[in-house]
Amino acid sequence: MEGTVVGFLDAVSTKVFWLCAILFVAVNGAALGAFALTRSRSLVNEWTSKLVALDAALLGAGLGVPLAAGLAKMGVRAVASLFGGGTPTAE
C-alpha cells in the first residue's frame, strides 16, 4: 500500500511540475511575441498585471505541488514504519 501511494504522489508531482514549466514558457513566449510584434504600449499596460498573476500561479503550483507531495510521502513512510510497514528510506 505504501508503495502505491508513494508512486502516485511521485507521478502527480512530476506531471504537475512539467505541465507548469511548459505552460510558463509558452505563456511568456506568447506574451513576449505579442508585445514585440505589436509594439503597443496599451497592450503592455493592459496585460502585464494579468501575466504576472498567471506566472505567480504557475510558479506556485509548479513548486508547491511537488513540495506538498514530498511532505505527504514523508508522512506516509513515517506512518507505515509505525505500523510495521518497513523502515523509512531516504530518497
C-alpha atoms as a PDB file:
ATOM      1  CA  MET A   1       0.000   0.000   0.000  1.00  0.00           C
ATOM      2  CA  GLU A   2       2.816   2.379   0.899  1.00  0.00           C
ATOM      3  CA  GLY A   3       4.498   1.865  -2.461  1.00  0.00           C
ATOM      4  CA  THR A   4       1.279   2.585  -4.334  1.00  0.00           C
ATOM      5  CA  VAL A   5       0.648   5.856  -2.535  1.00  0.00           C
ATOM      6  CA  VAL A   6       4.264   6.979  -2.848  1.00  0.00           C
ATOM      7  CA  GLY A   7       4.287   6.076  -6.546  1.00  0.00           C
ATOM      8  CA  PHE A   8       1.071   8.012  -7.115  1.00  0.00           C
ATOM      9  CA  LEU A   9       2.452  11.076  -5.339  1.00  0.00           C
ATOM     10  CA  ASP A  10       5.654  10.868  -7.379  1.00  0.00           C
ATOM     11  CA  ALA A  11       3.718  10.654 -10.645  1.00  0.00           C
ATOM     12  CA  VAL A  12       1.378  13.526  -9.803  1.00  0.00           C
ATOM     13  CA  SER A  13       4.121  15.853  -8.602  1.00  0.00           C
ATOM     14  CA  THR A  14       6.254  15.179 -11.680  1.00  0.00           C
ATOM     15  CA  LYS A  15       3.378  15.751 -14.096  1.00  0.00           C
ATOM     16  CA  VAL A  16       2.267  18.966 -12.385  1.00  0.00           C
ATOM     17  CA  PHE A  17       5.812  20.332 -12.328  1.00  0.00           C
ATOM     18  CA  TRP A  18       6.423  19.691 -16.035  1.00  0.00           C
ATOM     19  CA  LEU A  19       2.972  20.929 -17.058  1.00  0.00           C
ATOM     20  CA  CYS A  20       3.502  24.187 -15.156  1.00  0.00           C
ATOM     21  CA  ALA A  21       7.021  24.596 -16.558  1.00  0.00           C
ATOM     22  CA  ILE A  22       5.809  24.111 -20.142  1.00  0.00           C
ATOM     23  CA  LEU A  23       2.854  26.463 -19.639  1.00  0.00           C
ATOM     24  CA  PHE A  24       5.131  29.071 -18.038  1.00  0.00           C
ATOM     25  CA  VAL A  25       7.464  29.080 -21.027  1.00  0.00           C
ATOM     26  CA  ALA A  26       4.601  29.002 -23.547  1.00  0.00           C
ATOM     27  CA  VAL A  27       2.618  31.832 -21.942  1.00  0.00           C
ATOM     28  CA  ASN A  28       5.634  34.086 -21.502  1.00  0.00           C
ATOM     29  CA  GLY A  29       6.871  33.330 -25.014  1.00  0.00           C
ATOM     30  CA  ALA A  30       3.473  34.175 -26.481  1.00  0.00           C
ATOM     31  CA  ALA A  31       3.308  37.388 -24.469  1.00  0.00           C
ATOM     32  CA  LEU A  32       6.801  38.395 -25.496  1.00  0.00           C
ATOM     33  CA  GLY A  33       5.972  37.681 -29.122  1.00  0.00           C
ATOM     34  CA  ALA A  34       2.741  39.668 -28.966  1.00  0.00           C
ATOM     35  CA  PHE A  35       4.454  42.622 -27.313  1.00  0.00           C
ATOM     36  CA  ALA A  36       7.339  42.554 -29.811  1.00  0.00           C
ATOM     37  CA  LEU A  37       5.094  42.291 -32.872  1.00  0.00           C
ATOM     38  CA  THR A  38       2.537  44.947 -31.933  1.00  0.00           C
ATOM     39  CA  ARG A  39       4.833  47.355 -30.071  1.00  0.00           C
ATOM     40  CA  SER A  40       1.681  48.567 -28.378  1.00  0.00           C
ATOM     41  CA  ARG A  41       2.155  50.291 -25.048  1.00  0.00           C
ATOM     42  CA  SER A  42      -1.536  49.851 -24.227  1.00  0.00           C
ATOM     43  CA  LEU A  43      -1.189  46.090 -24.709  1.00  0.00           C
ATOM     44  CA  VAL A  44       1.706  46.047 -22.251  1.00  0.00           C
ATOM     45  CA  ASN A  45      -0.192  48.166 -19.735  1.00  0.00           C
ATOM     46  CA  GLU A  46      -3.326  46.051 -20.011  1.00  0.00           C
ATOM     47  CA  TRP A  47      -1.826  42.556 -19.889  1.00  0.00           C
ATOM     48  CA  THR A  48       1.245  42.842 -17.652  1.00  0.00           C
ATOM     49  CA  SER A  49      -0.652  42.527 -14.368  1.00  0.00           C
ATOM     50  CA  LYS A  50      -2.595  39.523 -15.668  1.00  0.00           C
ATOM     51  CA  LEU A  51       0.600  37.907 -16.924  1.00  0.00           C
ATOM     52  CA  VAL A  52       2.352  38.417 -13.588  1.00  0.00           C
ATOM     53  CA  ALA A  53      -0.630  36.883 -11.748  1.00  0.00           C
ATOM     54  CA  LEU A  54      -0.623  33.861 -14.072  1.00  0.00           C
ATOM     55  CA  ASP A  55       3.144  33.483 -13.664  1.00  0.00           C
ATOM     56  CA  ALA A  56       2.755  33.548  -9.882  1.00  0.00           C
ATOM     57  CA  ALA A  57       0.021  30.900 -10.036  1.00  0.00           C
ATOM     58  CA  LEU A  58       2.093  28.663 -12.314  1.00  0.00           C
ATOM     59  CA  LEU A  59       5.183  29.032 -10.136  1.00  0.00           C
ATOM     60  CA  GLY A  60       3.146  28.383  -7.004  1.00  0.00           C
ATOM     61  CA  ALA A  61       1.583  25.241  -8.426  1.00  0.00           C
ATOM     62  CA  GLY A  62       4.758  24.043 -10.118  1.00  0.00           C
ATOM     63  CA  LEU A  63       6.794  24.325  -6.948  1.00  0.00           C
ATOM     64  CA  GLY A  64       4.089  23.903  -4.303  1.00  0.00           C
ATOM     65  CA  VAL A  65       2.566  20.637  -5.507  1.00  0.00           C
ATOM     66  CA  PRO A  66       5.900  18.747  -5.593  1.00  0.00           C
ATOM     67  CA  LEU A  67       6.781  20.186  -2.184  1.00  0.00           C
ATOM     68  CA  ALA A  68       3.438  19.106  -0.712  1.00  0.00           C
ATOM     69  CA  ALA A  69       3.776  15.678  -2.356  1.00  0.00           C
ATOM     70  CA  GLY A  70       7.240  15.276  -0.857  1.00  0.00           C
ATOM     71  CA  LEU A  71       5.912  16.114   2.596  1.00  0.00           C
ATOM     72  CA  ALA A  72       2.998  13.717   2.107  1.00  0.00           C
ATOM     73  CA  LYS A  73       5.409  10.943   1.057  1.00  0.00           C
ATOM     74  CA  MET A  74       7.429  11.512   4.210  1.00  0.00           C
ATOM     75  CA  GLY A  75       4.248  11.279   6.258  1.00  0.00           C
ATOM     76  CA  VAL A  76       3.125   8.085   4.519  1.00  0.00           C
ATOM     77  CA  ARG A  77       6.518   6.483   5.110  1.00  0.00           C
ATOM     78  CA  ALA A  78       6.517   7.553   8.764  1.00  0.00           C
ATOM     79  CA  VAL A  79       3.042   6.138   9.371  1.00  0.00           C
ATOM     80  CA  ALA A  80       3.920   2.941   7.502  1.00  0.00           C
ATOM     81  CA  SER A  81       7.025   2.451   9.632  1.00  0.00           C
ATOM     82  CA  LEU A  82       4.949   2.887  12.803  1.00  0.00           C
ATOM     83  CA  PHE A  83       2.615   0.098  11.754  1.00  0.00           C
ATOM     84  CA  GLY A  84       5.304  -2.328  10.648  1.00  0.00           C
ATOM     85  CA  GLY A  85       5.473  -1.350   7.011  1.00  0.00           C
ATOM     86  CA  GLY A  86       9.244  -1.437   6.983  1.00  0.00           C
ATOM     87  CA  THR A  87      11.906   1.105   7.720  1.00  0.00           C
ATOM     88  CA  PRO A  88      11.829   4.617   6.300  1.00  0.00           C
ATOM     89  CA  THR A  89      14.111   5.051   3.310  1.00  0.00           C
ATOM     90  CA  ALA A  90      15.882   8.186   2.170  1.00  0.00           C
ATOM     91  CA  GLU A  91      15.462   9.305  -1.434  1.00  0.00           C
END
